[in-house]
Amino acid sequence: MTDIINALAGISAGDRLDTLRDHRPQAKENAQLSFEALLEPEDVGSFPHRDRYAVAAFTAGLLGAPAAEEFYRDLLRDEDEAASWAVAELLDEAVLTLDSRAAVRGPYGVFESAALAAENVPGPWFAADPKSTETLSDRLVAGLEFAHLLVLHPRDSRPEHLALLLAAGWDEDAIVTLAQLVSFLNFQIRISTGLAALSHAPAATDAPATDAPPQAGQAESGTGTVDGQGGTTSARATEALTTVGDRVNTYPGLNRPELFRQAGLGWVPWIAPVAEADLTEVQREALIEAGRAKNPYFRLLARDPAALRARTLTDLDIFFNVTDGLGRAERELAATAASRLNGCLFCASIHSDRATAESGRGELVQKLLGSGVAERSDLGDPVWDAVVDASVALTLTPQAFGPTHVSTLREAGLGDGDIVDALSCAAFFNWANRLMLSLGEPEVLGAR
């Protein structure tokens, strides 16, 4: 099968960038296996191929990726042409056509912590036209609304969103696969965008028109509503929580972190992970590391073992294959910058702590955590500033990363192999953040 990331980036087998990708062979192979596990599995369970392609086409459209949108709509058309047109109409409803991208740049979101309220960024919400259910079904429409949440409002995820999916007929296994699918596409499309920019960098002279993070308090117009609970404080959401009962945990007494911090955070799931004693041999193998059987996050992802295995091997190669390329500290820095912009307190905690451990520059890492990401990084180190700026531009929705960012990275002394590593790390955390944010939440360790 054609390598999908290469195809979306316009890279041919054997090209210079394809050869650079081969320096991380496990990452390259398992990114492709992730596509196969999530989009074209032999056993679809309760999540048929048609619905997977519909979610993928919708997600690609929200991300402002016309080549990816057309690719996934082609797959959808082969399954159900009427559904393909219905998805296109829903994208028009969401006011996310290519000629209006500048008006909808994310990520948006409202922090639960009052201490972070100054960083709240309202944005457009999406509610599907009820007529779309005649073609797509109530269940699939609920999945598309969830996809919109993960793409543009990842930190607005709340337990209510999972309750709405359960009430619409999604089961726990399918919810995990849905979250993996949308989150994976946020990686796949971002890394292909970055690679395409790297391929065309020599011809670029102008900076991107808009590559600044969204500004707090600046609401955008759009369908649906904006409120402090991610657009779900409605009678429908409240009823869904009541209907599904203890299938969704809300943790009313949880000690939630108030600020971004290095280390000291745990994570709790909103829907049930696989019990450790119930893990099958296939699920245990998918964990890669036996110790992860103790971790509720990985046991939750084990509901889709093929996707978990491919994702884990992608992760390990991107971050820990140090035979060449970018330093470990800078890789963790890229993960921290993406997590800070997306609003994932847990991921930012883990990877800022690792960036400090790898670099010994805790004061600079803390500066990034404390002040957040601005239009231009000012950490005072040209490499670190270039990595942060590139990671932020790639994390914006739709992405603002372009050839000028490549030039800045090169001017800071990074080779193209280093740049591929930086882009891979930032793109991967647009996958990881969305899983952590949509399936559970952080807690201060030792507080319960």
Protein backbone atom coordinates (compact mmCIF):
# COMPACT_ATOMS: atom_id res chain seq x y z
CA MET A 1 0.00 0.00 0.00
CA THR A 2 1.14 3.54 -0.75
CA ASP A 3 2.53 5.34 2.31
CA ILE A 4 -0.32 7.74 3.13
CA ILE A 5 1.79 10.41 4.82
CA ASN A 6 4.15 10.52 1.85
CA ALA A 7 1.20 10.72 -0.54
CA LEU A 8 -0.41 13.61 1.36
CA ALA A 9 2.92 15.45 1.55
CA GLY A 10 3.70 14.92 -2.14
CA ILE A 11 6.76 12.78 -1.38
CA SER A 12 7.76 9.91 -3.66
CA ALA A 13 9.43 6.72 -2.48
CA GLY A 14 13.18 7.22 -2.42
CA ASP A 15 12.98 11.02 -2.28
CA ARG A 16 15.32 12.87 0.09
CA LEU A 17 12.55 13.36 2.68
CA ASP A 18 11.42 9.77 2.34
CA THR A 19 15.00 8.75 3.10
CA LEU A 20 15.04 11.01 6.15
CA ARG A 21 11.79 9.42 7.34
CA ASP A 22 13.54 6.06 7.06
CA HIS A 23 15.82 7.16 9.91
CA ARG A 24 12.78 6.50 12.12
CA PRO A 25 11.67 3.23 10.50
CA GLN A 26 9.38 2.10 13.31
CA ALA A 27 7.62 5.47 13.33
CA LYS A 28 7.18 5.43 9.58
CA GLU A 29 5.93 1.85 9.47
CA ASN A 30 3.59 2.20 12.43
CA ALA A 31 2.08 5.47 11.27
CA GLN A 32 1.01 3.49 8.22
CA LEU A 33 -0.17 0.60 10.41
CA SER A 34 -2.20 3.11 12.45
CA PHE A 35 -4.00 4.10 9.27
CA GLU A 36 -4.72 0.46 8.52
CA ALA A 37 -5.84 -0.32 12.08
CA LEU A 38 -8.15 2.68 12.33
CA LEU A 39 -9.42 3.13 8.77
CA GLU A 40 -9.24 -0.30 7.20
CA PRO A 41 -9.36 -3.01 9.88
CA GLU A 42 -10.60 -6.45 8.93
CA ASP A 43 -12.80 -6.56 12.04
CA VAL A 44 -14.70 -3.26 12.25
CA GLY A 45 -16.74 -4.21 15.31
CA SER A 46 -19.59 -1.75 15.69
CA PHE A 47 -17.76 0.99 13.75
CA PRO A 48 -18.22 0.24 10.02
CA HIS A 49 -15.84 1.39 7.30
CA ARG A 50 -18.37 3.89 5.94
CA ASP A 51 -18.57 5.68 9.27
CA ARG A 52 -14.79 5.63 9.71
CA TYR A 53 -14.30 7.25 6.31
CA ALA A 54 -17.01 9.82 7.06
CA VAL A 55 -15.31 10.83 10.31
CA ALA A 56 -11.96 10.99 8.52
CA ALA A 57 -13.25 13.17 5.67
CA PHE A 58 -14.98 15.49 8.13
CA THR A 59 -11.87 15.73 10.31
CA ALA A 60 -9.64 16.48 7.32
CA GLY A 61 -12.02 19.21 6.22
CA LEU A 62 -11.98 20.80 9.67
CA LEU A 63 -8.18 20.72 9.60
CA GLY A 64 -8.05 22.64 6.33
CA ALA A 65 -6.37 19.81 4.46
CA PRO A 66 -7.95 19.58 1.00
CA ALA A 67 -5.77 16.72 -0.24
CA ALA A 68 -6.57 14.61 2.83
CA GLU A 69 -10.25 15.56 2.69
CA GLU A 70 -10.46 14.45 -0.95
CA PHE A 71 -8.55 11.25 -0.20
CA TYR A 72 -10.96 10.25 2.57
CA ARG A 73 -14.02 11.40 0.66
CA ASP A 74 -12.93 9.14 -2.18
CA LEU A 75 -12.87 6.23 0.23
CA LEU A 76 -16.28 7.27 1.53
CA ARG A 77 -17.72 7.65 -1.97
CA ASP A 78 -16.76 4.07 -2.72
CA GLU A 79 -18.85 3.00 0.28
CA ASP A 80 -21.73 5.49 0.13
CA GLU A 81 -21.85 8.41 -2.29
CA ALA A 82 -24.83 10.03 -0.54
CA ALA A 83 -22.91 10.04 2.72
CA SER A 84 -19.97 11.72 0.99
CA TRP A 85 -22.20 14.60 -0.13
CA ALA A 86 -23.79 14.82 3.32
CA VAL A 87 -20.37 15.20 4.95
CA ALA A 88 -19.46 17.95 2.47
CA GLU A 89 -22.68 19.79 3.35
CA LEU A 90 -21.92 19.52 7.06
CA LEU A 91 -18.49 21.04 6.50
CA ASP A 92 -20.18 23.95 4.74
CA GLU A 93 -22.53 24.30 7.72
CA ALA A 94 -19.53 24.51 10.03
CA VAL A 95 -18.27 27.54 8.06
CA LEU A 96 -14.96 25.80 7.58
CA THR A 97 -14.53 25.98 3.83
CA LEU A 98 -11.09 26.83 2.53
CA ASP A 99 -11.85 30.50 1.88
CA SER A 100 -12.76 31.15 5.54
CA ARG A 101 -9.93 29.39 7.37
CA ALA A 102 -8.46 32.56 8.86
CA ALA A 103 -11.67 33.21 10.79
CA VAL A 104 -11.71 29.88 12.60
CA ARG A 105 -8.16 29.20 13.70
CA GLY A 106 -7.95 27.20 16.92
CA PRO A 107 -7.42 25.47 19.22
CA TYR A 108 -10.22 27.00 21.28
CA GLY A 109 -11.21 26.09 24.76
CA VAL A 110 -12.27 27.00 28.27
CA PHE A 111 -10.13 25.88 31.19
CA GLU A 112 -11.92 24.47 34.21
CA SER A 113 -9.39 26.18 36.49
CA ALA A 114 -10.26 29.78 37.41
CA ALA A 115 -6.52 30.47 37.62
CA LEU A 116 -6.26 29.90 33.85
CA ALA A 117 -9.44 31.76 32.90
CA ALA A 118 -7.46 34.59 31.30
CA GLU A 119 -6.39 32.09 28.64
CA ASN A 120 -9.93 30.99 27.74
CA VAL A 121 -10.49 31.24 24.00
CA PRO A 122 -14.13 30.92 22.87
CA GLY A 123 -14.65 29.76 19.34
CA PRO A 124 -17.20 28.39 16.87
CA TRP A 125 -19.29 25.40 17.87
CA PHE A 126 -20.95 22.98 15.54
CA ALA A 127 -24.36 21.33 15.74
CA ALA A 128 -25.36 19.23 12.76
CA ASP A 129 -28.50 19.96 10.79
CA PRO A 130 -31.06 17.36 11.94
CA LYS A 131 -31.74 16.54 8.27
CA SER A 132 -28.25 15.03 8.03
CA THR A 133 -29.33 12.13 10.21
CA GLU A 134 -31.59 10.92 7.40
CA THR A 135 -28.45 9.99 5.44
CA LEU A 136 -25.82 9.54 8.13
CA SER A 137 -27.76 8.26 11.21
CA ASP A 138 -27.99 9.80 14.68
CA ARG A 139 -25.03 7.71 15.79
CA LEU A 140 -22.68 8.91 13.08
CA VAL A 141 -23.75 12.54 13.48
CA ALA A 142 -22.89 12.29 17.17
CA GLY A 143 -19.48 11.00 16.12
CA LEU A 144 -18.97 13.93 13.75
CA GLU A 145 -19.88 16.42 16.47
CA PHE A 146 -17.33 14.67 18.71
CA ALA A 147 -14.76 14.98 15.91
CA HIS A 148 -15.40 18.73 15.71
CA LEU A 149 -14.81 18.95 19.46
CA LEU A 150 -11.48 17.13 19.26
CA VAL A 151 -10.23 19.10 16.25
CA LEU A 152 -11.11 22.65 17.36
CA HIS A 153 -11.97 22.42 21.07
CA PRO A 154 -9.81 19.64 22.54
CA ARG A 155 -9.56 21.18 26.01
CA ASP A 156 -13.33 21.68 26.13
CA SER A 157 -13.80 17.91 26.36
CA ARG A 158 -15.94 16.87 29.33
CA PRO A 159 -17.52 13.62 30.55
CA GLU A 160 -20.81 14.81 29.02
CA HIS A 161 -19.38 14.33 25.54
CA LEU A 162 -18.79 10.64 26.17
CA ALA A 163 -22.27 10.35 27.66
CA LEU A 164 -23.72 11.83 24.48
CA LEU A 165 -21.88 9.23 22.42
CA LEU A 166 -23.06 6.38 24.64
CA ALA A 167 -26.63 7.68 24.48
CA ALA A 168 -26.38 7.80 20.67
CA GLY A 169 -25.43 4.12 20.52
CA TRP A 170 -21.64 4.11 20.66
CA ASP A 171 -20.15 1.52 23.00
CA GLU A 172 -16.95 1.95 25.01
CA ASP A 173 -14.75 0.09 22.53
CA ALA A 174 -16.03 2.16 19.61
CA ILE A 175 -15.59 5.41 21.56
CA VAL A 176 -11.91 4.61 22.12
CA THR A 177 -11.50 3.82 18.41
CA LEU A 178 -13.31 7.05 17.46
CA ALA A 179 -11.04 9.11 19.72
CA GLN A 180 -7.98 7.31 18.33
CA LEU A 181 -9.12 7.88 14.75
CA VAL A 182 -9.69 11.63 15.09
CA SER A 183 -6.54 12.08 17.16
CA PHE A 184 -4.42 10.05 14.73
CA LEU A 185 -5.64 12.17 11.82
CA ASN A 186 -4.52 15.28 13.71
CA PHE A 187 -1.05 13.70 13.66
CA GLN A 188 -1.13 12.33 10.12
CA ILE A 189 -2.30 15.57 8.53
CA ARG A 190 0.04 17.76 10.57
CA ILE A 191 3.17 15.74 9.82
CA SER A 192 2.29 15.64 6.12
CA THR A 193 1.79 19.43 6.22
CA GLY A 194 5.17 19.87 7.86
CA LEU A 195 6.93 17.59 5.41
CA ALA A 196 5.34 19.37 2.45
CA ALA A 197 6.58 22.72 3.81
CA LEU A 198 10.05 21.27 4.32
CA SER A 199 10.02 20.04 0.74
CA HIS A 200 9.16 23.52 -0.59
CA ALA A 201 11.17 25.63 1.85
CA PRO A 202 13.79 26.98 -0.59
CA ALA A 203 11.13 28.85 -2.56
CA ALA A 204 9.60 30.64 0.42
CA THR A 205 10.29 34.22 1.45
CA ASP A 206 7.18 35.45 3.24
CA ALA A 207 5.97 34.55 6.72
CA PRO A 208 2.57 32.88 7.07
CA ALA A 209 -0.31 35.34 7.14
CA THR A 210 -1.52 34.16 10.53
CA ASP A 211 0.66 32.05 12.78
CA ALA A 212 -0.15 33.48 16.20
CA PRO A 213 -2.05 31.46 18.80
CA PRO A 214 -5.72 32.39 19.22
CA GLN A 215 -6.22 35.29 21.62
CA ALA A 216 -8.09 34.86 24.87
CA GLY A 217 -11.55 36.36 24.97
CA GLN A 218 -11.93 36.75 21.22
CA ALA A 219 -15.01 34.75 20.32
CA GLU A 220 -15.61 33.70 16.76
CA SER A 221 -18.94 33.35 15.06
CA GLY A 222 -20.21 29.92 14.21
CA THR A 223 -22.99 27.44 14.69
CA GLY A 224 -23.92 26.08 18.07
CA THR A 225 -23.21 27.71 21.42
CA VAL A 226 -20.24 28.64 23.54
CA ASP A 227 -20.23 28.19 27.30
CA GLY A 228 -17.99 27.17 30.18
CA GLN A 229 -18.65 23.45 29.75
CA GLY A 230 -17.62 23.01 26.14
CA GLY A 231 -21.03 23.70 24.67
CA THR A 232 -22.65 20.75 26.45
CA THR A 233 -24.50 22.31 29.39
CA SER A 234 -27.79 21.56 27.77
CA ALA A 235 -30.76 19.48 28.78
CA ARG A 236 -29.65 16.89 26.22
CA ALA A 237 -26.19 16.52 27.78
CA THR A 238 -27.57 16.42 31.32
CA GLU A 239 -30.10 13.82 30.29
CA ALA A 240 -27.38 11.75 28.61
CA LEU A 241 -25.31 11.67 31.79
CA THR A 242 -28.35 10.50 33.72
CA THR A 243 -29.24 7.92 31.09
CA VAL A 244 -25.83 6.26 30.91
CA GLY A 245 -25.43 6.17 34.70
CA ASP A 246 -22.14 4.80 35.99
CA ARG A 247 -20.79 4.11 32.50
CA VAL A 248 -19.31 7.64 32.74
CA ASN A 249 -17.37 8.84 35.79
CA THR A 250 -17.39 12.55 36.64
CA TYR A 251 -15.22 12.59 39.81
CA PRO A 252 -16.93 15.43 41.72
CA GLY A 253 -14.30 15.41 44.48
CA LEU A 254 -11.23 15.24 42.23
CA ASN A 255 -8.34 17.55 43.10
CA ARG A 256 -7.75 19.09 39.69
CA PRO A 257 -4.57 21.05 38.94
CA GLU A 258 -5.01 24.81 38.82
CA LEU A 259 -1.94 25.69 36.77
CA PHE A 260 0.50 24.11 34.36
CA ARG A 261 3.28 22.47 36.36
CA GLN A 262 6.25 20.16 35.97
CA ALA A 263 5.48 16.64 37.29
CA GLY A 264 3.10 15.67 40.08
CA LEU A 265 0.01 14.82 38.02
CA GLY A 266 -1.93 11.63 37.46
CA TRP A 267 -4.82 10.90 35.12
CA VAL A 268 -8.25 9.33 35.59
CA PRO A 269 -10.53 7.91 32.85
CA TRP A 270 -14.15 8.90 32.26
CA ILE A 271 -15.10 5.50 30.84
CA ALA A 272 -13.92 2.15 32.13
CA PRO A 273 -10.54 0.76 31.06
CA VAL A 274 -10.09 -2.95 30.61
CA ALA A 275 -9.49 -4.43 34.06
CA GLU A 276 -5.89 -5.57 34.43
CA ALA A 277 -7.00 -9.14 35.16
CA ASP A 278 -9.16 -9.16 32.02
CA LEU A 279 -6.48 -8.08 29.54
CA THR A 280 -6.19 -10.62 26.73
CA GLU A 281 -2.83 -11.77 25.41
CA VAL A 282 -3.36 -9.58 22.33
CA GLN A 283 -4.06 -6.55 24.53
CA ARG A 284 -0.99 -7.23 26.70
CA GLU A 285 1.20 -7.48 23.63
CA ALA A 286 -0.23 -4.19 22.36
CA LEU A 287 0.97 -2.46 25.54
CA ILE A 288 4.59 -3.16 24.40
CA GLU A 289 5.84 -2.61 27.97
CA ALA A 290 4.38 -4.98 30.59
CA GLY A 291 4.33 -2.29 33.29
CA ARG A 292 1.73 -0.33 31.35
CA ALA A 293 -0.87 -2.88 32.43
CA LYS A 294 -0.98 -0.94 35.71
CA ASN A 295 -1.81 2.31 33.93
CA PRO A 296 -5.54 3.06 33.38
CA TYR A 297 -4.82 5.19 30.31
CA PHE A 298 -3.10 2.38 28.44
CA ARG A 299 -5.66 -0.17 29.61
CA LEU A 300 -8.37 2.10 28.21
CA LEU A 301 -6.60 2.34 24.85
CA ALA A 302 -6.24 -1.45 24.93
CA ARG A 303 -9.92 -1.60 23.94
CA ASP A 304 -8.48 -1.19 20.42
CA PRO A 305 -5.22 -3.17 20.67
CA ALA A 306 -4.12 -2.85 17.04
CA ALA A 307 -4.36 0.94 17.19
CA LEU A 308 -2.64 1.02 20.59
CA ARG A 309 0.28 -1.12 19.44
CA ALA A 310 0.93 0.93 16.29
CA ARG A 311 0.60 4.21 18.20
CA THR A 312 3.00 3.10 20.95
CA LEU A 313 5.70 1.99 18.51
CA THR A 314 5.33 5.29 16.62
CA ASP A 315 5.75 7.18 19.88
CA LEU A 316 8.83 5.26 21.04
CA ASP A 317 10.68 5.68 17.75
CA ILE A 318 9.92 9.40 17.45
CA PHE A 319 11.06 10.22 20.96
CA PHE A 320 13.71 7.66 21.87
CA ASN A 321 15.52 6.75 18.65
CA VAL A 322 18.58 8.95 19.13
CA THR A 323 20.96 7.34 16.67
CA ASP A 324 20.94 10.74 14.97
CA GLY A 325 18.76 13.81 14.68
CA LEU A 326 17.32 16.22 17.22
CA GLY A 327 18.38 16.04 20.86
CA ARG A 328 16.08 14.46 23.43
CA ALA A 329 15.57 17.76 25.25
CA GLU A 330 14.37 19.51 22.10
CA ARG A 331 12.01 16.63 21.31
CA GLU A 332 10.45 16.97 24.75
CA LEU A 333 10.33 20.74 24.27
CA ALA A 334 8.29 20.30 21.08
CA ALA A 335 5.88 18.01 22.95
CA THR A 336 5.59 20.56 25.75
CA ALA A 337 4.88 23.46 23.39
CA ALA A 338 2.13 21.55 21.57
CA SER A 339 0.59 20.42 24.86
CA ARG A 340 0.72 23.95 26.28
CA LEU A 341 -1.15 25.39 23.31
CA ASN A 342 -3.72 22.59 23.22
CA GLY A 343 -4.28 23.01 26.95
CA CYS A 344 -3.33 19.49 28.04
CA LEU A 345 -2.09 19.99 31.59
CA PHE A 346 -1.18 16.32 32.00
CA CYS A 347 0.97 15.99 28.87
CA ALA A 348 2.58 19.38 29.48
CA SER A 349 3.45 18.23 33.00
CA ILE A 350 5.08 14.97 31.94
CA HIS A 351 7.04 16.35 29.01
CA SER A 352 8.13 19.62 30.54
CA ASP A 353 9.58 17.57 33.39
CA ARG A 354 11.42 15.41 30.85
CA ALA A 355 12.65 18.48 28.97
CA THR A 356 14.11 19.78 32.22
CA ALA A 357 15.71 16.44 33.05
CA GLU A 358 17.27 16.17 29.59
CA SER A 359 18.48 19.77 29.39
CA GLY A 360 19.07 20.96 32.96
CA ARG A 361 17.30 24.19 31.93
CA GLY A 362 14.29 24.07 34.19
CA GLU A 363 13.96 27.85 34.35
CA LEU A 364 13.40 28.08 30.58
CA VAL A 365 10.95 25.19 30.62
CA GLN A 366 9.05 26.80 33.48
CA LYS A 367 8.96 30.09 31.60
CA LEU A 368 7.21 28.32 28.72
CA LEU A 369 4.75 26.65 31.09
CA GLY A 370 4.05 29.80 33.05
CA SER A 371 3.68 32.34 30.26
CA GLY A 372 2.28 30.03 27.63
CA VAL A 373 2.94 30.27 23.93
CA ALA A 374 2.98 33.68 22.30
CA GLU A 375 3.27 34.86 18.71
CA ARG A 376 7.03 34.42 18.97
CA SER A 377 8.92 32.47 21.59
CA ASP A 378 11.39 34.45 23.70
CA LEU A 379 13.24 31.80 25.67
CA GLY A 380 16.54 33.37 24.62
CA ASP A 381 17.95 30.32 22.84
CA PRO A 382 17.66 30.37 19.03
CA VAL A 383 17.20 26.60 18.72
CA TRP A 384 14.63 26.39 21.49
CA ASP A 385 12.76 29.44 20.20
CA ALA A 386 12.68 28.00 16.69
CA VAL A 387 11.46 24.60 17.93
CA VAL A 388 8.72 26.17 20.05
CA ASP A 389 7.57 28.47 17.23
CA ALA A 390 7.50 25.59 14.76
CA SER A 391 5.58 23.39 17.19
CA VAL A 392 3.03 26.12 17.86
CA ALA A 393 2.53 26.84 14.16
CA LEU A 394 1.99 23.14 13.45
CA THR A 395 -0.45 22.86 16.38
CA LEU A 396 -2.68 25.75 15.31
CA THR A 397 -5.92 24.59 13.69
CA PRO A 398 -5.68 24.77 10.74
CA GLN A 399 -1.91 24.62 10.74
CA ALA A 400 0.12 27.77 10.14
CA PHE A 401 3.44 25.99 9.68
CA GLY A 402 5.16 26.96 6.45
CA PRO A 403 8.51 27.26 4.65
CA THR A 404 9.49 30.35 6.66
CA HIS A 405 9.44 28.28 9.85
CA VAL A 406 11.73 25.80 8.09
CA SER A 407 14.10 28.64 7.24
CA THR A 408 14.16 29.77 10.87
CA LEU A 409 14.92 26.24 12.06
CA ARG A 410 17.73 25.96 9.53
CA GLU A 411 19.11 29.36 10.51
CA ALA A 412 19.22 28.14 14.12
CA GLY A 413 21.53 25.36 12.96
CA LEU A 414 19.12 22.44 12.55
CA GLY A 415 19.51 20.06 9.64
CA ASP A 416 16.52 18.67 7.80
CA GLY A 417 16.70 15.41 9.76
CA ASP A 418 16.47 17.43 12.99
CA ILE A 419 13.51 19.34 11.58
CA VAL A 420 11.68 16.12 10.69
CA ASP A 421 12.16 15.04 14.32
CA ALA A 422 10.83 18.35 15.67
CA LEU A 423 7.78 18.21 13.42
CA SER A 424 7.14 14.57 14.30
CA CYS A 425 7.24 15.32 18.02
CA ALA A 426 4.85 18.27 17.77
CA ALA A 427 2.52 16.41 15.42
CA PHE A 428 2.50 13.34 17.64
CA PHE A 429 1.35 15.38 20.61
CA ASN A 430 -1.59 16.63 18.64
CA TRP A 431 -2.51 12.94 18.72
CA ALA A 432 -1.60 12.31 22.37
CA ASN A 433 -3.20 15.50 23.73
CA ARG A 434 -6.54 14.75 22.13
CA LEU A 435 -6.67 11.28 23.61
CA MET A 436 -5.75 12.48 27.10
CA LEU A 437 -8.20 15.38 26.93
CA SER A 438 -11.16 13.51 25.45
CA LEU A 439 -11.08 10.31 27.51
CA GLY A 440 -10.27 11.57 31.01
CA GLU A 441 -8.62 14.31 33.04
CA PRO A 442 -5.61 15.07 35.24
CA GLU A 443 -5.46 15.05 39.02
CA VAL A 444 -2.89 16.19 41.55
CA LEU A 445 -1.13 13.06 42.76
CA GLY A 446 -1.58 12.09 46.39
CA ALA A 447 -4.64 14.32 46.74
CA ARG A 448 -7.39 11.67 46.90
